[in-house]
Amino acid sequence: MKVMGVIGYKDSGKTSLVVGLSRELKKRGYRVATVKHIHGEIDLPQANTAKHGQYTGEVAAISERESAVFFKRKKSLEDIMGYLEADFILVEGFKSERTYPKVVCLRKKDEAKDLFDGLQILVAVLSPKKLRLGLPVFHILKDVERIADIIEKRAFKLPNLNCGACGYETCYELAREIIEGNKTDKDCPALNPGTEVRLGGKILPMNPFVDRIVQSTIKGVLSSLKGFRKGKIEIEIGE
């Protein structure tokens, strides 16, 4: 799973760019999901669905064409991404998130000082004005294919564990090194654990401490069984 953020202030063209990129990446054969940050409450789509939500913590809606689950509490971006089955996730908003690269949509040059956090890879604008910011600048409506080319190559997502196993105190620091071209996401031990655990087909990131516990526990239990020998261990547990 690869992630790219699209950030910017109101009316900067964020949604137009996300829609255009979703269309282009889908055309290229990828499964695409989007996550949007919304200020305020999320309205339930139907009166009856809203009635269900008055006294429950979670509401699910299923139709012949689509399904939805509403949680009556805030969940983290990592939690929500766990439900998504996609090759690329485009995240609109969430300016403070620091574990993936970002496209910054600008209305004017002065906004860059507030939106740049070291994870920006390009700037997208609605205006044809030329901006000199030390980054490639593309037009939101005219350059979707060129922006998608860059996203294909540079999108990534670190697990936000801040375990320090990569040599940096935070995932943000490693993410900046990846943006600079000094590291890759393969330098994140949590994304490449010695013990691979998959939930719903997705690798569960584990910091090295948990990785060692899981590995030693499984080996310890199995080593007491007759017929055990060293080698690759594969375990599959059904629901």
C-alpha atoms as a PDB file:
ATOM      1  CA  MET A   1       0.000   0.000   0.000  1.00  0.00           C
ATOM      2  CA  LYS A   2       1.328   3.420  -1.015  1.00  0.00           C
ATOM      3  CA  VAL A   3       0.082   6.719   0.358  1.00  0.00           C
ATOM      4  CA  MET A   4       0.256  10.293  -0.902  1.00  0.00           C
ATOM      5  CA  GLY A   5      -1.100  13.318   0.940  1.00  0.00           C
ATOM      6  CA  VAL A   6      -2.740  16.275  -0.781  1.00  0.00           C
ATOM      7  CA  ILE A   7      -2.798  19.347   1.450  1.00  0.00           C
ATOM      8  CA  GLY A   8      -3.649  23.006   1.097  1.00  0.00           C
ATOM      9  CA  TYR A   9      -6.063  25.652   2.270  1.00  0.00           C
ATOM     10  CA  LYS A  10      -9.699  26.006   1.229  1.00  0.00           C
ATOM     11  CA  ASP A  11     -10.308  26.538  -2.500  1.00  0.00           C
ATOM     12  CA  SER A  12      -6.730  25.591  -3.385  1.00  0.00           C
ATOM     13  CA  GLY A  13      -7.882  22.756  -5.653  1.00  0.00           C
ATOM     14  CA  LYS A  14      -7.233  19.784  -3.312  1.00  0.00           C
ATOM     15  CA  THR A  15     -10.447  17.929  -4.120  1.00  0.00           C
ATOM     16  CA  SER A  16     -10.125  18.540  -7.856  1.00  0.00           C
ATOM     17  CA  LEU A  17      -6.620  17.098  -7.773  1.00  0.00           C
ATOM     18  CA  VAL A  18      -7.621  14.055  -5.695  1.00  0.00           C
ATOM     19  CA  VAL A  19     -10.490  13.310  -8.084  1.00  0.00           C
ATOM     20  CA  GLY A  20      -8.234  13.707 -11.115  1.00  0.00           C
ATOM     21  CA  LEU A  21      -5.494  11.522  -9.629  1.00  0.00           C
ATOM     22  CA  SER A  22      -8.014   8.856  -8.584  1.00  0.00           C
ATOM     23  CA  ARG A  23      -9.319   8.703 -12.134  1.00  0.00           C
ATOM     24  CA  GLU A  24      -5.814   8.563 -13.642  1.00  0.00           C
ATOM     25  CA  LEU A  25      -4.440   5.912 -11.263  1.00  0.00           C
ATOM     26  CA  LYS A  26      -7.540   3.764 -11.762  1.00  0.00           C
ATOM     27  CA  LYS A  27      -7.036   4.061 -15.517  1.00  0.00           C
ATOM     28  CA  ARG A  28      -3.532   2.653 -14.983  1.00  0.00           C
ATOM     29  CA  GLY A  29      -4.956  -0.454 -13.339  1.00  0.00           C
ATOM     30  CA  TYR A  30      -4.511   0.428  -9.671  1.00  0.00           C
ATOM     31  CA  ARG A  31      -7.015   0.060  -6.863  1.00  0.00           C
ATOM     32  CA  VAL A  32      -7.411   3.537  -5.384  1.00  0.00           C
ATOM     33  CA  ALA A  33      -8.901   4.684  -2.075  1.00  0.00           C
ATOM     34  CA  THR A  34      -9.240   8.187  -0.667  1.00  0.00           C
ATOM     35  CA  VAL A  35      -9.448   9.571   2.859  1.00  0.00           C
ATOM     36  CA  LYS A  36     -10.724  13.111   3.438  1.00  0.00           C
ATOM     37  CA  HIS A  37     -10.375  15.222   6.558  1.00  0.00           C
ATOM     38  CA  ILE A  38     -13.680  16.885   7.420  1.00  0.00           C
ATOM     39  CA  HIS A  39     -14.111  19.687   9.932  1.00  0.00           C
ATOM     40  CA  GLY A  40     -17.137  19.158  12.150  1.00  0.00           C
ATOM     41  CA  GLU A  41     -19.494  16.183  12.115  1.00  0.00           C
ATOM     42  CA  ILE A  42     -20.037  13.626   9.359  1.00  0.00           C
ATOM     43  CA  ASP A  43     -23.724  13.546   8.483  1.00  0.00           C
ATOM     44  CA  LEU A  44     -25.316  10.127   8.078  1.00  0.00           C
ATOM     45  CA  PRO A  45     -26.749   9.820   4.583  1.00  0.00           C
ATOM     46  CA  GLN A  46     -30.328   8.786   5.374  1.00  0.00           C
ATOM     47  CA  ALA A  47     -32.877   9.675   8.020  1.00  0.00           C
ATOM     48  CA  ASN A  48     -33.297   6.042   9.137  1.00  0.00           C
ATOM     49  CA  THR A  49     -29.537   5.532   9.316  1.00  0.00           C
ATOM     50  CA  ALA A  50     -29.259   8.644  11.470  1.00  0.00           C
ATOM     51  CA  LYS A  51     -31.913   7.249  13.820  1.00  0.00           C
ATOM     52  CA  HIS A  52     -29.852   4.082  14.251  1.00  0.00           C
ATOM     53  CA  GLY A  53     -26.874   6.205  15.249  1.00  0.00           C
ATOM     54  CA  GLN A  54     -28.653   8.042  18.056  1.00  0.00           C
ATOM     55  CA  TYR A  55     -28.046   5.285  20.603  1.00  0.00           C
ATOM     56  CA  THR A  56     -25.270   3.156  19.128  1.00  0.00           C
ATOM     57  CA  GLY A  57     -21.517   3.533  18.826  1.00  0.00           C
ATOM     58  CA  GLU A  58     -21.299   2.131  15.316  1.00  0.00           C
ATOM     59  CA  VAL A  59     -23.706   2.065  12.378  1.00  0.00           C
ATOM     60  CA  ALA A  60     -23.325   0.027   9.194  1.00  0.00           C
ATOM     61  CA  ALA A  61     -25.264   0.566   5.974  1.00  0.00           C
ATOM     62  CA  ILE A  62     -25.389  -1.945   3.115  1.00  0.00           C
ATOM     63  CA  SER A  63     -27.050  -1.549  -0.259  1.00  0.00           C
ATOM     64  CA  GLU A  64     -26.871  -3.512  -3.498  1.00  0.00           C
ATOM     65  CA  ARG A  65     -24.110  -1.219  -4.777  1.00  0.00           C
ATOM     66  CA  GLU A  66     -22.149  -0.048  -1.729  1.00  0.00           C
ATOM     67  CA  SER A  67     -21.438  -0.426   1.981  1.00  0.00           C
ATOM     68  CA  ALA A  68     -20.480   2.008   4.729  1.00  0.00           C
ATOM     69  CA  VAL A  69     -19.577   1.916   8.400  1.00  0.00           C
ATOM     70  CA  PHE A  70     -19.928   4.975  10.663  1.00  0.00           C
ATOM     71  CA  PHE A  71     -18.042   5.131  13.956  1.00  0.00           C
ATOM     72  CA  LYS A  72     -19.412   7.569  16.538  1.00  0.00           C
ATOM     73  CA  ARG A  73     -15.899   8.380  17.708  1.00  0.00           C
ATOM     74  CA  LYS A  74     -12.677   9.593  16.173  1.00  0.00           C
ATOM     75  CA  LYS A  75     -10.320   6.948  14.793  1.00  0.00           C
ATOM     76  CA  SER A  76      -6.710   7.435  13.734  1.00  0.00           C
ATOM     77  CA  LEU A  77      -5.650   7.559  10.106  1.00  0.00           C
ATOM     78  CA  GLU A  78      -3.803   4.247  10.605  1.00  0.00           C
ATOM     79  CA  ASP A  79      -7.013   2.649  11.946  1.00  0.00           C
ATOM     80  CA  ILE A  80      -9.057   3.806   8.955  1.00  0.00           C
ATOM     81  CA  MET A  81      -6.414   2.720   6.448  1.00  0.00           C
ATOM     82  CA  GLY A  82      -6.629  -0.780   7.911  1.00  0.00           C
ATOM     83  CA  TYR A  83     -10.115  -1.075   6.409  1.00  0.00           C
ATOM     84  CA  LEU A  84      -9.071   0.020   2.935  1.00  0.00           C
ATOM     85  CA  GLU A  85      -8.106  -2.409   0.198  1.00  0.00           C
ATOM     86  CA  ALA A  86      -6.088  -0.366  -2.255  1.00  0.00           C
ATOM     87  CA  ASP A  87      -2.756  -0.041  -4.018  1.00  0.00           C
ATOM     88  CA  PHE A  88      -2.756   3.736  -3.541  1.00  0.00           C
ATOM     89  CA  ILE A  89      -4.450   5.823  -0.854  1.00  0.00           C
ATOM     90  CA  LEU A  90      -4.828   9.543  -1.503  1.00  0.00           C
ATOM     91  CA  VAL A  91      -5.233  11.497   1.732  1.00  0.00           C
ATOM     92  CA  GLU A  92      -6.873  14.925   1.421  1.00  0.00           C
ATOM     93  CA  GLY A  93      -6.078  17.194   4.335  1.00  0.00           C
ATOM     94  CA  PHE A  94      -4.470  15.968   7.587  1.00  0.00           C
ATOM     95  CA  LYS A  95      -1.712  18.590   7.331  1.00  0.00           C
ATOM     96  CA  SER A  96      -0.104  17.492  10.615  1.00  0.00           C
ATOM     97  CA  GLU A  97       0.408  13.850   9.557  1.00  0.00           C
ATOM     98  CA  ARG A  98       4.096  13.122   9.001  1.00  0.00           C
ATOM     99  CA  THR A  99       4.553   9.562   7.784  1.00  0.00           C
ATOM    100  CA  TYR A 100       4.055   9.924   4.018  1.00  0.00           C
ATOM    101  CA  PRO A 101       4.944  12.368   1.208  1.00  0.00           C
ATOM    102  CA  LYS A 102       2.688  15.246   0.267  1.00  0.00           C
ATOM    103  CA  VAL A 103       1.541  17.283  -2.708  1.00  0.00           C
ATOM    104  CA  VAL A 104       1.003  20.879  -1.593  1.00  0.00           C
ATOM    105  CA  CYS A 105      -1.753  22.859  -3.299  1.00  0.00           C
ATOM    106  CA  LEU A 106      -1.043  26.588  -3.133  1.00  0.00           C
ATOM    107  CA  ARG A 107      -3.202  29.614  -3.862  1.00  0.00           C
ATOM    108  CA  LYS A 108      -0.241  31.942  -3.370  1.00  0.00           C
ATOM    109  CA  LYS A 109       3.452  31.604  -2.657  1.00  0.00           C
ATOM    110  CA  ASP A 110       3.231  32.910   0.937  1.00  0.00           C
ATOM    111  CA  GLU A 111       1.249  29.825   2.010  1.00  0.00           C
ATOM    112  CA  ALA A 112       4.282  27.611   1.493  1.00  0.00           C
ATOM    113  CA  LYS A 113       5.952  28.638   4.761  1.00  0.00           C
ATOM    114  CA  ASP A 114       2.981  27.255   6.738  1.00  0.00           C
ATOM    115  CA  LEU A 115       2.378  24.124   4.647  1.00  0.00           C
ATOM    116  CA  PHE A 116       5.897  22.900   3.919  1.00  0.00           C
ATOM    117  CA  ASP A 117       7.083  20.440   6.572  1.00  0.00           C
ATOM    118  CA  GLY A 118       9.923  18.667   4.767  1.00  0.00           C
ATOM    119  CA  LEU A 119       7.679  15.977   3.262  1.00  0.00           C
ATOM    120  CA  GLN A 120       6.506  17.968   0.221  1.00  0.00           C
ATOM    121  CA  ILE A 121       7.535  16.500  -3.146  1.00  0.00           C
ATOM    122  CA  LEU A 122       5.790  18.931  -5.505  1.00  0.00           C
ATOM    123  CA  VAL A 123       3.490  21.931  -5.658  1.00  0.00           C
ATOM    124  CA  ALA A 124       0.166  21.993  -7.495  1.00  0.00           C
ATOM    125  CA  VAL A 125      -1.648  25.204  -8.448  1.00  0.00           C
ATOM    126  CA  LEU A 126      -4.811  26.328 -10.224  1.00  0.00           C
ATOM    127  CA  SER A 127      -3.212  29.562 -11.383  1.00  0.00           C
ATOM    128  CA  PRO A 128      -0.724  29.623 -14.274  1.00  0.00           C
ATOM    129  CA  LYS A 129       1.597  31.870 -12.232  1.00  0.00           C
ATOM    130  CA  LYS A 130       5.201  30.674 -12.000  1.00  0.00           C
ATOM    131  CA  LEU A 131       6.418  29.979  -8.472  1.00  0.00           C
ATOM    132  CA  ARG A 132      10.024  29.487  -7.470  1.00  0.00           C
ATOM    133  CA  LEU A 133      10.002  27.249  -4.424  1.00  0.00           C
ATOM    134  CA  GLY A 134      12.753  24.735  -5.140  1.00  0.00           C
ATOM    135  CA  LEU A 135      10.168  22.117  -6.123  1.00  0.00           C
ATOM    136  CA  PRO A 136       8.435  21.084  -9.354  1.00  0.00           C
ATOM    137  CA  VAL A 137       5.235  23.100  -9.885  1.00  0.00           C
ATOM    138  CA  PHE A 138       2.328  21.594 -11.823  1.00  0.00           C
ATOM    139  CA  HIS A 139      -1.130  22.732 -12.872  1.00  0.00           C
ATOM    140  CA  ILE A 140      -3.894  20.880 -11.018  1.00  0.00           C
ATOM    141  CA  LEU A 141      -6.166  20.492 -14.043  1.00  0.00           C
ATOM    142  CA  LYS A 142      -3.658  20.202 -16.882  1.00  0.00           C
ATOM    143  CA  ASP A 143      -0.829  18.126 -15.392  1.00  0.00           C
ATOM    144  CA  VAL A 144      -2.649  15.237 -13.671  1.00  0.00           C
ATOM    145  CA  GLU A 145      -0.816  12.588 -15.686  1.00  0.00           C
ATOM    146  CA  ARG A 146       2.595  14.071 -14.849  1.00  0.00           C
ATOM    147  CA  ILE A 147       1.711  14.283 -11.161  1.00  0.00           C
ATOM    148  CA  ALA A 148       0.485  10.658 -11.232  1.00  0.00           C
ATOM    149  CA  ASP A 149       3.830   9.613 -12.732  1.00  0.00           C
ATOM    150  CA  ILE A 150       5.617  11.064  -9.699  1.00  0.00           C
ATOM    151  CA  ILE A 151       3.161   9.544  -7.227  1.00  0.00           C
ATOM    152  CA  GLU A 152       3.699   6.091  -8.739  1.00  0.00           C
ATOM    153  CA  LYS A 153       7.412   6.369  -8.009  1.00  0.00           C
ATOM    154  CA  ARG A 154       7.493   8.243  -4.720  1.00  0.00           C
ATOM    155  CA  ALA A 155       4.425   7.350  -2.630  1.00  0.00           C
ATOM    156  CA  PHE A 156       5.042   5.448   0.621  1.00  0.00           C
ATOM    157  CA  LYS A 157       3.677   5.072   4.160  1.00  0.00           C
ATOM    158  CA  LEU A 158       5.630   4.574   7.386  1.00  0.00           C
ATOM    159  CA  PRO A 159       3.800   2.892  10.303  1.00  0.00           C
ATOM    160  CA  ASN A 160       3.901   5.795  12.813  1.00  0.00           C
ATOM    161  CA  LEU A 161       5.362   3.550  15.532  1.00  0.00           C
ATOM    162  CA  ASN A 162       8.312   5.822  16.353  1.00  0.00           C
ATOM    163  CA  CYS A 163      10.171   2.738  17.579  1.00  0.00           C
ATOM    164  CA  GLY A 164      13.647   4.088  16.779  1.00  0.00           C
ATOM    165  CA  ALA A 165      14.820   0.828  15.208  1.00  0.00           C
ATOM    166  CA  CYS A 166      15.748   2.622  11.965  1.00  0.00           C
ATOM    167  CA  GLY A 167      18.232   4.832  13.814  1.00  0.00           C
ATOM    168  CA  TYR A 168      15.917   7.831  13.981  1.00  0.00           C
ATOM    169  CA  GLU A 169      13.742   8.794  16.941  1.00  0.00           C
ATOM    170  CA  THR A 170      10.585   9.265  14.872  1.00  0.00           C
ATOM    171  CA  CYS A 171       9.044   8.022  11.646  1.00  0.00           C
ATOM    172  CA  TYR A 172       8.956  11.662  10.550  1.00  0.00           C
ATOM    173  CA  GLU A 173      12.748  11.863  10.538  1.00  0.00           C
ATOM    174  CA  LEU A 174      13.053   8.725   8.419  1.00  0.00           C
ATOM    175  CA  ALA A 175      10.301  10.005   6.111  1.00  0.00           C
ATOM    176  CA  ARG A 176      12.293  13.184   5.491  1.00  0.00           C
ATOM    177  CA  GLU A 177      15.370  11.128   4.645  1.00  0.00           C
ATOM    178  CA  ILE A 178      13.299   9.121   2.165  1.00  0.00           C
ATOM    179  CA  ILE A 179      12.046  12.348   0.570  1.00  0.00           C
ATOM    180  CA  GLU A 180      15.640  13.559   0.279  1.00  0.00           C
ATOM    181  CA  GLY A 181      16.609  10.296  -1.443  1.00  0.00           C
ATOM    182  CA  ASN A 182      18.973   9.177   1.322  1.00  0.00           C
ATOM    183  CA  LYS A 183      16.806   6.263   2.497  1.00  0.00           C
ATOM    184  CA  THR A 184      13.879   4.133   1.292  1.00  0.00           C
ATOM    185  CA  ASP A 185      10.913   2.595   3.089  1.00  0.00           C
ATOM    186  CA  LYS A 186      12.916  -0.655   3.107  1.00  0.00           C
ATOM    187  CA  ASP A 187      15.027   1.002   5.824  1.00  0.00           C
ATOM    188  CA  CYS A 188      12.028   0.762   8.169  1.00  0.00           C
ATOM    189  CA  PRO A 189      12.432  -2.475  10.213  1.00  0.00           C
ATOM    190  CA  ALA A 190       8.755  -2.412  11.207  1.00  0.00           C
ATOM    191  CA  LEU A 191       7.721  -2.668   7.544  1.00  0.00           C
ATOM    192  CA  ASN A 192      10.198  -5.500   6.960  1.00  0.00           C
ATOM    193  CA  PRO A 193       9.966  -7.653  10.124  1.00  0.00           C
ATOM    194  CA  GLY A 194      11.713 -10.976  10.575  1.00  0.00           C
ATOM    195  CA  THR A 195       8.336 -12.434  11.508  1.00  0.00           C
ATOM    196  CA  GLU A 196       5.646 -11.619   8.979  1.00  0.00           C
ATOM    197  CA  VAL A 197       2.118 -11.431  10.385  1.00  0.00           C
ATOM    198  CA  ARG A 198      -0.742 -10.684   8.006  1.00  0.00           C
ATOM    199  CA  LEU A 199      -4.226  -9.577   9.006  1.00  0.00           C
ATOM    200  CA  GLY A 200      -6.767  -9.608   6.209  1.00  0.00           C
ATOM    201  CA  GLY A 201      -3.931 -10.086   3.740  1.00  0.00           C
ATOM    202  CA  LYS A 202      -2.013  -7.016   4.952  1.00  0.00           C
ATOM    203  CA  ILE A 203       1.313  -7.115   6.786  1.00  0.00           C
ATOM    204  CA  LEU A 204       0.958  -5.984  10.408  1.00  0.00           C
ATOM    205  CA  PRO A 205       3.840  -3.596  11.233  1.00  0.00           C
ATOM    206  CA  MET A 206       5.710  -4.607  14.392  1.00  0.00           C
ATOM    207  CA  ASN A 207       8.580  -2.881  16.109  1.00  0.00           C
ATOM    208  CA  PRO A 208      11.675  -5.093  16.599  1.00  0.00           C
ATOM    209  CA  PHE A 209      10.864  -5.757  20.279  1.00  0.00           C
ATOM    210  CA  VAL A 210       7.416  -7.182  19.460  1.00  0.00           C
ATOM    211  CA  ASP A 211       8.885  -8.987  16.446  1.00  0.00           C
ATOM    212  CA  ARG A 212      11.372 -10.813  18.682  1.00  0.00           C
ATOM    213  CA  ILE A 213       8.684 -11.718  21.233  1.00  0.00           C
ATOM    214  CA  VAL A 214       6.356 -13.145  18.581  1.00  0.00           C
ATOM    215  CA  GLN A 215       9.198 -15.057  16.912  1.00  0.00           C
ATOM    216  CA  SER A 216      10.618 -16.504  20.142  1.00  0.00           C
ATOM    217  CA  THR A 217       7.159 -17.414  21.465  1.00  0.00           C
ATOM    218  CA  ILE A 218       6.170 -19.297  18.312  1.00  0.00           C
ATOM    219  CA  LYS A 219       9.519 -21.102  18.114  1.00  0.00           C
ATOM    220  CA  GLY A 220       9.389 -21.920  21.817  1.00  0.00           C
ATOM    221  CA  VAL A 221       5.953 -23.511  21.567  1.00  0.00           C
ATOM    222  CA  LEU A 222       6.679 -25.434  18.360  1.00  0.00           C
ATOM    223  CA  SER A 223      10.112 -26.686  19.511  1.00  0.00           C
ATOM    224  CA  SER A 224       8.413 -28.829  22.156  1.00  0.00           C
ATOM    225  CA  LEU A 225       6.432 -30.707  19.516  1.00  0.00           C
ATOM    226  CA  LYS A 226       7.547 -33.988  18.053  1.00  0.00           C
ATOM    227  CA  GLY A 227       8.923 -33.599  14.529  1.00  0.00           C
ATOM    228  CA  PHE A 228       9.998 -29.967  14.967  1.00  0.00           C
ATOM    229  CA  ARG A 229      13.079 -28.931  13.029  1.00  0.00           C
ATOM    230  CA  LYS A 230      14.674 -25.632  12.050  1.00  0.00           C
ATOM    231  CA  GLY A 231      13.359 -23.969   8.924  1.00  0.00           C
ATOM    232  CA  LYS A 232      10.838 -21.441   7.684  1.00  0.00           C
ATOM    233  CA  ILE A 233       7.647 -21.555   9.745  1.00  0.00           C
ATOM    234  CA  GLU A 234       4.303 -20.744   8.135  1.00  0.00           C
ATOM    235  CA  ILE A 235       1.168 -20.426  10.263  1.00  0.00           C
ATOM    236  CA  GLU A 236      -2.282 -19.539   8.980  1.00  0.00           C
ATOM    237  CA  ILE A 237      -5.129 -18.931  11.436  1.00  0.00           C
ATOM    238  CA  GLY A 238      -8.683 -18.650  10.164  1.00  0.00           C
ATOM    239  CA  GLU A 239     -11.199 -16.168  11.477  1.00  0.00           C
END
